[in-house]
Protein backbone atom coordinates (compact mmCIF):
# COMPACT_ATOMS: atom_id res chain seq x y z
CA UNK A 1 -75.40 -14.13 -9.00
CA UNK A 2 -76.04 -14.04 -5.23
CA UNK A 3 -73.87 -17.13 -4.86
CA UNK A 4 -71.07 -15.41 -6.80
CA UNK A 5 -71.34 -12.29 -4.59
CA UNK A 6 -71.22 -14.47 -1.50
CA UNK A 7 -68.09 -16.22 -2.70
CA UNK A 8 -66.43 -12.84 -3.42
CA UNK A 9 -67.39 -11.65 0.04
CA UNK A 10 -65.87 -14.77 1.63
CA UNK A 11 -62.65 -14.32 -0.35
CA UNK A 12 -62.49 -10.66 0.68
CA UNK A 13 -62.93 -11.62 4.31
CA UNK A 14 -60.16 -14.21 3.99
CA UNK A 15 -57.85 -11.58 2.52
CA UNK A 16 -58.72 -9.16 5.30
CA UNK A 17 -58.07 -11.82 7.92
CA UNK A 18 -54.77 -12.80 6.33
CA UNK A 19 -53.62 -9.17 6.12
CA UNK A 20 -54.70 -8.57 9.69
CA UNK A 21 -52.62 -11.53 10.83
CA UNK A 22 -49.56 -11.12 8.59
CA UNK A 23 -49.78 -7.57 7.23
CA UNK A 24 -47.25 -6.00 9.60
CA UNK A 25 -44.73 -8.78 8.98
CA UNK A 26 -45.07 -8.47 5.20
CA UNK A 27 -44.71 -4.68 5.42
CA UNK A 28 -41.51 -4.94 7.46
CA UNK A 29 -40.08 -7.55 5.13
CA UNK A 30 -40.77 -5.32 2.14
CA UNK A 31 -39.17 -2.38 3.90
CA UNK A 32 -36.09 -4.45 4.70
CA UNK A 33 -35.77 -5.70 1.12
CA UNK A 34 -36.28 -2.26 -0.40
CA UNK A 35 -34.04 -0.67 2.20
CA UNK A 36 -31.30 -3.20 1.52
CA UNK A 37 -31.61 -2.60 -2.22
CA UNK A 38 -31.38 1.16 -1.73
CA UNK A 39 -28.41 0.76 0.61
CA UNK A 40 -26.61 -1.47 -1.91
CA UNK A 41 -27.15 1.05 -4.70
CA UNK A 42 -26.05 3.83 -2.39
CA UNK A 43 -22.93 1.88 -1.39
CA UNK A 44 -22.01 1.23 -5.03
CA UNK A 45 -22.50 4.90 -5.85
CA UNK A 46 -20.36 5.89 -2.86
CA UNK A 47 -17.62 3.43 -3.89
CA UNK A 48 -17.61 4.62 -7.48
CA UNK A 49 -17.54 8.24 -6.41
CA UNK A 50 -14.76 7.52 -3.95
CA UNK A 51 -12.68 5.69 -6.58
CA UNK A 52 -13.13 8.54 -9.07
CA UNK A 53 -11.95 11.13 -6.56
CA UNK A 54 -9.01 8.94 -5.51
CA UNK A 55 -8.03 8.52 -9.16
CA UNK A 56 -8.07 12.28 -9.59
CA UNK A 57 -5.76 12.78 -6.63
CA UNK A 58 -3.42 10.07 -7.84
CA UNK A 59 -3.25 11.77 -11.24
CA UNK A 60 -2.25 15.00 -9.48
CA UNK A 61 0.42 13.10 -7.56
CA UNK A 62 1.73 11.50 -10.73
CA UNK A 63 1.95 14.86 -12.53
CA UNK A 64 3.74 16.38 -9.54
CA UNK A 65 6.19 13.46 -9.51
CA UNK A 66 6.96 13.91 -13.21
CA UNK A 67 7.60 17.63 -12.68
CA UNK A 68 9.72 17.03 -9.57
CA UNK A 69 7.37 19.04 -7.33
CA UNK A 70 8.17 17.32 -4.03
CA UNK A 71 5.88 19.55 -1.96
CA UNK A 72 2.91 18.82 -4.23
CA UNK A 73 3.70 15.09 -4.15
CA UNK A 74 3.69 15.14 -0.34
CA UNK A 75 0.39 17.03 -0.22
CA UNK A 76 -1.31 14.79 -2.77
CA UNK A 77 -0.21 11.64 -0.96
CA UNK A 78 -1.28 13.10 2.40
CA UNK A 79 -4.76 13.72 0.97
CA UNK A 80 -4.89 10.26 -0.62
CA UNK A 81 -3.84 8.43 2.52
CA UNK A 82 -6.15 10.47 4.75
CA UNK A 83 -9.35 10.46 2.69
CA UNK A 84 -8.97 7.38 0.46
CA UNK A 85 -6.81 5.05 2.49
CA UNK A 86 -8.71 1.94 1.48
CA UNK A 87 -8.13 2.37 -2.24
CA UNK A 88 -5.46 0.92 -4.49
CA UNK A 89 -4.70 4.45 -5.69
CA UNK A 90 -3.54 5.38 -2.18
CA UNK A 91 -1.27 2.32 -2.01
CA UNK A 92 0.21 3.04 -5.44
CA UNK A 93 0.56 6.64 -4.33
CA UNK A 94 2.61 5.54 -1.33
CA UNK A 95 5.12 3.77 -3.59
CA UNK A 96 5.35 6.75 -5.93
CA UNK A 97 5.66 9.27 -3.09
CA UNK A 98 8.40 7.16 -1.50
CA UNK A 99 10.33 6.99 -4.80
CA UNK A 100 10.16 10.76 -5.29
CA UNK A 101 11.24 11.38 -1.70
CA UNK A 102 14.14 8.93 -2.01
CA UNK A 103 15.23 10.50 -5.32
CA UNK A 104 15.37 13.87 -3.57
CA UNK A 105 17.19 12.43 -0.53
CA UNK A 106 14.32 13.06 1.89
CA UNK A 107 14.72 9.55 3.22
CA UNK A 108 12.59 9.91 6.35
CA UNK A 109 9.61 10.91 4.21
CA UNK A 110 10.27 8.00 1.88
CA UNK A 111 10.34 5.54 4.77
CA UNK A 112 7.19 7.10 6.26
CA UNK A 113 5.27 6.59 3.01
CA UNK A 114 6.40 2.97 2.78
CA UNK A 115 5.61 2.37 6.44
CA UNK A 116 2.09 3.68 5.84
CA UNK A 117 1.68 1.19 3.00
CA UNK A 118 3.00 -1.67 5.14
CA UNK A 119 0.69 -0.75 8.02
CA UNK A 120 -2.47 0.10 6.10
CA UNK A 121 -2.26 -1.54 2.67
CA UNK A 122 -4.80 -4.15 1.62
CA UNK A 123 -3.34 -5.21 -1.73
CA UNK A 124 -0.95 -8.01 -0.76
CA UNK A 125 1.29 -7.54 -3.81
CA UNK A 126 1.71 -3.80 -3.29
CA UNK A 127 2.36 -4.31 0.40
CA UNK A 128 5.05 -6.88 -0.44
CA UNK A 129 6.76 -4.39 -2.76
CA UNK A 130 6.52 -1.81 0.01
CA UNK A 131 8.13 -4.19 2.49
CA UNK A 132 11.03 -4.94 0.17
CA UNK A 133 11.72 -1.27 -0.48
CA UNK A 134 11.34 -0.28 3.17
CA UNK A 135 13.66 -3.08 4.30
CA UNK A 136 16.23 -1.92 1.75
CA UNK A 137 16.12 1.62 3.09
CA UNK A 138 16.33 0.39 6.67
CA UNK A 139 19.34 -1.73 5.73
CA UNK A 140 21.06 1.30 4.16
CA UNK A 141 20.41 3.19 7.39
CA UNK A 142 21.95 0.27 9.32
CA UNK A 143 18.61 -0.41 11.01
CA UNK A 144 19.17 -4.13 10.56
CA UNK A 145 16.76 -5.42 13.19
CA UNK A 146 13.99 -3.21 11.82
CA UNK A 147 14.73 -4.40 8.28
CA UNK A 148 14.51 -8.07 9.26
CA UNK A 149 11.29 -7.37 11.16
CA UNK A 150 9.83 -5.65 8.10
CA UNK A 151 10.55 -8.78 6.05
CA UNK A 152 9.17 -11.11 8.71
CA UNK A 153 5.48 -10.74 7.84
CA UNK A 154 3.52 -13.12 5.64
CA UNK A 155 3.75 -12.27 1.92
CA UNK A 156 2.55 -13.82 -1.36
CA UNK A 157 4.63 -16.81 -2.46
CA UNK A 158 5.85 -15.13 -5.64
CA UNK A 159 7.75 -12.56 -3.55
CA UNK A 160 9.40 -15.06 -1.23
CA UNK A 161 12.56 -15.40 -3.33
CA UNK A 162 13.09 -11.63 -3.34
CA UNK A 163 12.51 -11.46 0.40
CA UNK A 164 15.11 -14.16 1.03
CA UNK A 165 17.55 -12.35 -1.24
CA UNK A 166 17.02 -9.07 0.63
CA UNK A 167 17.41 -10.94 3.90
CA UNK A 168 20.75 -12.26 2.64
CA UNK A 169 21.85 -8.70 1.84
CA UNK A 170 21.02 -7.63 5.38
CA UNK A 171 23.00 -10.50 6.88
CA UNK A 172 25.95 -9.63 4.65
CA UNK A 173 25.77 -6.01 5.79
CA UNK A 174 25.93 -7.31 9.35
CA UNK A 175 28.92 -9.52 8.57
CA UNK A 176 26.91 -12.71 9.09
CA UNK A 177 28.24 -14.61 6.10
CA UNK A 178 26.86 -18.07 6.93
CA UNK A 179 23.33 -16.73 7.45
CA UNK A 180 23.62 -14.71 4.27
CA UNK A 181 24.60 -17.81 2.29
CA UNK A 182 21.63 -19.73 3.66
CA UNK A 183 19.27 -16.89 2.74
CA UNK A 184 20.71 -16.61 -0.79
CA UNK A 185 20.48 -20.38 -1.25
CA UNK A 186 16.84 -20.30 -0.18
CA UNK A 187 16.21 -17.41 -2.55
CA UNK A 188 17.83 -19.26 -5.44
CA UNK A 189 15.81 -22.42 -4.75
CA UNK A 190 12.57 -20.49 -4.44
CA UNK A 191 12.90 -18.55 -7.70
CA UNK A 192 11.78 -20.11 -10.95
CA UNK A 193 14.63 -21.00 -13.30
CA UNK A 194 13.18 -18.65 -15.93
CA UNK A 195 13.46 -15.60 -13.66
CA UNK A 196 16.42 -13.46 -14.74
CA UNK A 197 17.05 -12.19 -11.22
CA UNK A 198 17.87 -15.76 -10.18
CA UNK A 199 21.20 -15.46 -12.02
CA UNK A 200 22.03 -12.39 -9.97
CA UNK A 201 21.43 -14.37 -6.76
CA UNK A 202 23.55 -17.15 -8.21
CA UNK A 203 26.35 -14.65 -8.76
CA UNK A 204 26.27 -13.72 -5.08
CA UNK A 205 26.56 -17.36 -4.08
CA UNK A 206 29.43 -17.95 -6.51
CA UNK A 207 31.25 -14.91 -5.08
CA UNK A 208 30.81 -16.40 -1.60
CA UNK A 209 32.20 -19.75 -2.72
CA UNK A 210 28.86 -21.57 -2.62
CA UNK A 211 27.76 -21.92 -6.22
CA UNK A 212 24.36 -23.64 -6.59
CA UNK A 213 24.43 -27.24 -7.82
CA UNK A 214 23.36 -26.34 -11.38
CA UNK A 215 26.10 -23.69 -11.64
CA UNK A 216 28.75 -26.14 -10.42
CA UNK A 217 27.58 -28.73 -12.94
CA UNK A 218 27.74 -26.17 -15.76
CA UNK A 219 31.27 -25.15 -14.73
CA UNK A 220 32.40 -28.80 -14.67
CA UNK A 221 30.91 -29.42 -18.11
CA UNK A 222 32.73 -26.38 -19.50
CA UNK A 223 36.04 -27.70 -18.18
């Protein structure tokens, strides 16, 4: 029994010595792990709460858009972009706010909403849509250099055909026929043959006397 007590005492002393040597380190490691876990849970809660509030504001914006309440649309988008700028709801809100503004001929507000999306958006697809719409508005306002600059940024590959087509429209508006043809040709080549819009681009090239190879072959076969 005495031997057993002695062994227990030795083990206790070893534990005390180990804790004395490594206790502070273990404590700090535990605090870091628990703190990181709490921070992660807190971050997830914050993100979920933020997304819920952004969704509520977007719903308000959508309702205002359906009712034609331009003032309410502007206010809802201002709140979205200010407080929830990193969310997809804010980026979708920019597109909707721009559409409503354009429909009501407040073009400066429409361009401002699209410019916000281009400058601050994180969703590459939504930003690409914003660039196309903004460039179109700039072209209509004869801001050709700005429109080409808007289209000059990197975009997802699936939007490249549309960008080239819009670039061709800008060149045509400037009277630069040769550059327009090149842009339309690039757009036609880039688009998949199953895309309906490709036929519209083809029509532009035909009207300019530069039918794509497949269109020329079809015309020859018909003759």
